[in-house]
Amino acid sequence: MYDMSRRETFENLAEIWAREVDMYGTVADCVKIVIGNKSDKESDRAVSREEAEEFASQNGCLFLECSAKSNAFVQEAFLELVRGVLETPSLVLETSTGAGNVRLKQYRAQKGGGDCAC
């Protein structure tokens, strides 16, 4: 997430956060999303939508702009992320009934967590 009105927060995505995810991520097919926050401050925009979309595309991320202050597109950001997980075959375990289940047990086991009823 970056602040659309502060360019340095966007630059930190490439210089710091993308590298951190690549270095420490444990799930090969993880779903990533770049979120531009503070869309309610359009007049103070320091990062164009096109530039942010290009960054997201180059890094294999979903993209969305939202405003936590006005609650615009906040829920959609979470829905897009969940949709991305459900549409990634390696993250969904098919059951004998054909219903997809998210592979949280395997993820938690990798992280050393306990069993979950997911």
C-alpha atoms as a PDB file:
ATOM      1  CA  MET A   1       0.000   0.000   0.000  1.00  0.00           C
ATOM      2  CA  TYR A   2       1.192   3.490  -0.748  1.00  0.00           C
ATOM      3  CA  ASP A   3      -0.126   6.986  -0.168  1.00  0.00           C
ATOM      4  CA  MET A   4      -1.154   8.444  -3.545  1.00  0.00           C
ATOM      5  CA  SER A   5      -0.308  11.930  -2.279  1.00  0.00           C
ATOM      6  CA  ARG A   6       3.257  11.044  -1.184  1.00  0.00           C
ATOM      7  CA  ARG A   7       5.567   9.888  -3.968  1.00  0.00           C
ATOM      8  CA  GLU A   8       8.200   8.477  -1.613  1.00  0.00           C
ATOM      9  CA  THR A   9       5.724   5.883  -0.326  1.00  0.00           C
ATOM     10  CA  PHE A  10       5.249   4.631  -3.897  1.00  0.00           C
ATOM     11  CA  GLU A  11       8.996   4.548  -4.516  1.00  0.00           C
ATOM     12  CA  ASN A  12       9.385   2.470  -1.359  1.00  0.00           C
ATOM     13  CA  LEU A  13       7.241  -0.244  -2.963  1.00  0.00           C
ATOM     14  CA  ALA A  14      10.026  -1.071  -5.416  1.00  0.00           C
ATOM     15  CA  GLU A  15      13.008  -0.135  -3.294  1.00  0.00           C
ATOM     16  CA  ILE A  16      11.934  -1.880  -0.091  1.00  0.00           C
ATOM     17  CA  TRP A  17       8.640  -3.772  -0.001  1.00  0.00           C
ATOM     18  CA  ALA A  18       8.781  -5.741  -3.277  1.00  0.00           C
ATOM     19  CA  ARG A  19      12.265  -6.966  -2.351  1.00  0.00           C
ATOM     20  CA  GLU A  20      11.092  -7.955   1.125  1.00  0.00           C
ATOM     21  CA  VAL A  21       8.233 -10.008  -0.304  1.00  0.00           C
ATOM     22  CA  ASP A  22      10.558 -11.721  -2.797  1.00  0.00           C
ATOM     23  CA  MET A  23      13.196 -12.398  -0.152  1.00  0.00           C
ATOM     24  CA  TYR A  24      10.970 -13.646   2.676  1.00  0.00           C
ATOM     25  CA  GLY A  25       7.831 -14.902   0.933  1.00  0.00           C
ATOM     26  CA  THR A  26       7.228 -18.617   1.502  1.00  0.00           C
ATOM     27  CA  VAL A  27       4.276 -19.243  -0.815  1.00  0.00           C
ATOM     28  CA  ALA A  28       5.442 -19.431  -4.439  1.00  0.00           C
ATOM     29  CA  ASP A  29       2.107 -18.497  -5.993  1.00  0.00           C
ATOM     30  CA  CYS A  30       1.081 -15.903  -3.427  1.00  0.00           C
ATOM     31  CA  VAL A  31      -1.374 -13.287  -4.597  1.00  0.00           C
ATOM     32  CA  LYS A  32      -0.098  -9.736  -4.283  1.00  0.00           C
ATOM     33  CA  ILE A  33      -2.006  -6.501  -4.585  1.00  0.00           C
ATOM     34  CA  VAL A  34      -0.778  -2.929  -4.852  1.00  0.00           C
ATOM     35  CA  ILE A  35      -3.189  -0.466  -3.263  1.00  0.00           C
ATOM     36  CA  GLY A  36      -3.052   3.275  -3.742  1.00  0.00           C
ATOM     37  CA  ASN A  37      -4.642   4.819  -0.654  1.00  0.00           C
ATOM     38  CA  LYS A  38      -6.082   8.309  -0.160  1.00  0.00           C
ATOM     39  CA  SER A  39      -8.004   8.478  -3.421  1.00  0.00           C
ATOM     40  CA  ASP A  40     -10.100  11.115  -1.647  1.00  0.00           C
ATOM     41  CA  LYS A  41      -7.103  13.465  -2.085  1.00  0.00           C
ATOM     42  CA  GLU A  42      -7.169  13.458  -5.905  1.00  0.00           C
ATOM     43  CA  SER A  43      -6.035  17.091  -6.071  1.00  0.00           C
ATOM     44  CA  ASP A  44      -2.871  16.149  -4.125  1.00  0.00           C
ATOM     45  CA  ARG A  45      -2.048  13.123  -6.312  1.00  0.00           C
ATOM     46  CA  ALA A  46       1.721  12.543  -6.642  1.00  0.00           C
ATOM     47  CA  VAL A  47       1.560   9.160  -8.426  1.00  0.00           C
ATOM     48  CA  SER A  48      -0.462   8.669 -11.594  1.00  0.00           C
ATOM     49  CA  ARG A  49      -2.826   5.730 -11.856  1.00  0.00           C
ATOM     50  CA  GLU A  50      -1.072   4.635 -15.055  1.00  0.00           C
ATOM     51  CA  GLU A  51       2.329   4.546 -13.363  1.00  0.00           C
ATOM     52  CA  ALA A  52       0.986   2.519 -10.447  1.00  0.00           C
ATOM     53  CA  GLU A  53      -0.850   0.111 -12.751  1.00  0.00           C
ATOM     54  CA  GLU A  54       2.366  -0.403 -14.729  1.00  0.00           C
ATOM     55  CA  PHE A  55       4.318  -1.126 -11.536  1.00  0.00           C
ATOM     56  CA  ALA A  56       1.677  -3.623 -10.408  1.00  0.00           C
ATOM     57  CA  SER A  57       1.656  -5.327 -13.795  1.00  0.00           C
ATOM     58  CA  GLN A  58       5.458  -5.595 -13.948  1.00  0.00           C
ATOM     59  CA  ASN A  59       5.494  -7.153 -10.474  1.00  0.00           C
ATOM     60  CA  GLY A  60       2.621  -9.586 -11.022  1.00  0.00           C
ATOM     61  CA  CYS A  61       0.277  -7.755  -8.679  1.00  0.00           C
ATOM     62  CA  LEU A  62      -3.368  -6.830  -8.715  1.00  0.00           C
ATOM     63  CA  PHE A  63      -4.038  -3.100  -8.477  1.00  0.00           C
ATOM     64  CA  LEU A  64      -6.691  -0.926  -6.882  1.00  0.00           C
ATOM     65  CA  GLU A  65      -7.059   2.613  -5.551  1.00  0.00           C
ATOM     66  CA  CYS A  66      -9.108   3.290  -2.443  1.00  0.00           C
ATOM     67  CA  SER A  67      -9.722   5.702   0.399  1.00  0.00           C
ATOM     68  CA  ALA A  68      -9.671   4.451   3.960  1.00  0.00           C
ATOM     69  CA  LYS A  69     -11.019   7.845   5.074  1.00  0.00           C
ATOM     70  CA  SER A  70     -14.143   7.736   2.914  1.00  0.00           C
ATOM     71  CA  ASN A  71     -14.273   3.919   2.808  1.00  0.00           C
ATOM     72  CA  ALA A  72     -14.267   4.012  -1.015  1.00  0.00           C
ATOM     73  CA  PHE A  73     -13.215   0.671  -2.531  1.00  0.00           C
ATOM     74  CA  VAL A  74     -11.782  -0.680   0.738  1.00  0.00           C
ATOM     75  CA  GLN A  75     -14.035  -3.732   0.720  1.00  0.00           C
ATOM     76  CA  GLU A  76     -13.316  -4.229  -2.998  1.00  0.00           C
ATOM     77  CA  ALA A  77      -9.582  -4.426  -2.233  1.00  0.00           C
ATOM     78  CA  PHE A  78     -10.151  -7.369   0.100  1.00  0.00           C
ATOM     79  CA  LEU A  79     -12.575  -8.999  -2.329  1.00  0.00           C
ATOM     80  CA  GLU A  80     -10.065  -8.722  -5.187  1.00  0.00           C
ATOM     81  CA  LEU A  81      -7.383 -10.303  -3.041  1.00  0.00           C
ATOM     82  CA  VAL A  82      -9.649 -13.194  -2.027  1.00  0.00           C
ATOM     83  CA  ARG A  83     -10.780 -13.627  -5.638  1.00  0.00           C
ATOM     84  CA  GLY A  84      -7.133 -13.813  -6.690  1.00  0.00           C
ATOM     85  CA  VAL A  85      -6.456 -16.537  -4.127  1.00  0.00           C
ATOM     86  CA  LEU A  86      -9.503 -18.534  -5.203  1.00  0.00           C
ATOM     87  CA  GLU A  87      -8.489 -18.245  -8.860  1.00  0.00           C
ATOM     88  CA  THR A  88      -4.955 -19.551  -8.212  1.00  0.00           C
ATOM     89  CA  PRO A  89      -5.093 -23.339  -8.642  1.00  0.00           C
ATOM     90  CA  SER A  90      -2.036 -24.041  -6.481  1.00  0.00           C
ATOM     91  CA  LEU A  91      -3.659 -22.211  -3.556  1.00  0.00           C
ATOM     92  CA  VAL A  92      -6.945 -24.105  -3.765  1.00  0.00           C
ATOM     93  CA  LEU A  93      -7.298 -27.761  -2.812  1.00  0.00           C
ATOM     94  CA  GLU A  94     -10.014 -29.615  -4.706  1.00  0.00           C
ATOM     95  CA  THR A  95     -12.141 -31.892  -2.521  1.00  0.00           C
ATOM     96  CA  SER A  96     -14.009 -35.031  -3.479  1.00  0.00           C
ATOM     97  CA  THR A  97     -17.205 -32.967  -3.744  1.00  0.00           C
ATOM     98  CA  GLY A  98     -15.559 -30.667  -6.267  1.00  0.00           C
ATOM     99  CA  ALA A  99     -15.768 -27.667  -3.953  1.00  0.00           C
ATOM    100  CA  GLY A 100     -12.564 -25.654  -3.657  1.00  0.00           C
ATOM    101  CA  ASN A 101     -11.001 -25.077  -0.283  1.00  0.00           C
ATOM    102  CA  VAL A 102      -8.206 -22.630   0.364  1.00  0.00           C
ATOM    103  CA  ARG A 103      -5.039 -24.459   1.418  1.00  0.00           C
ATOM    104  CA  LEU A 104      -4.628 -22.745   4.778  1.00  0.00           C
ATOM    105  CA  LYS A 105      -3.641 -25.932   6.604  1.00  0.00           C
ATOM    106  CA  GLN A 106      -0.599 -26.342   4.388  1.00  0.00           C
ATOM    107  CA  TYR A 107       0.311 -22.664   4.786  1.00  0.00           C
ATOM    108  CA  ARG A 108      -0.018 -22.764   8.571  1.00  0.00           C
ATOM    109  CA  ALA A 109       2.065 -25.941   8.711  1.00  0.00           C
ATOM    110  CA  GLN A 110       4.830 -24.183   6.747  1.00  0.00           C
ATOM    111  CA  LYS A 111       4.712 -21.253   9.168  1.00  0.00           C
ATOM    112  CA  GLY A 112       4.836 -23.554  12.210  1.00  0.00           C
ATOM    113  CA  GLY A 113       1.300 -22.719  13.281  1.00  0.00           C
ATOM    114  CA  GLY A 114      -1.240 -25.123  14.664  1.00  0.00           C
ATOM    115  CA  ASP A 115      -3.941 -26.910  12.756  1.00  0.00           C
ATOM    116  CA  CYS A 116      -6.919 -24.916  11.571  1.00  0.00           C
ATOM    117  CA  ALA A 117     -10.403 -25.975  10.561  1.00  0.00           C
ATOM    118  CA  CYS A 118     -10.126 -24.266   7.177  1.00  0.00           C
END
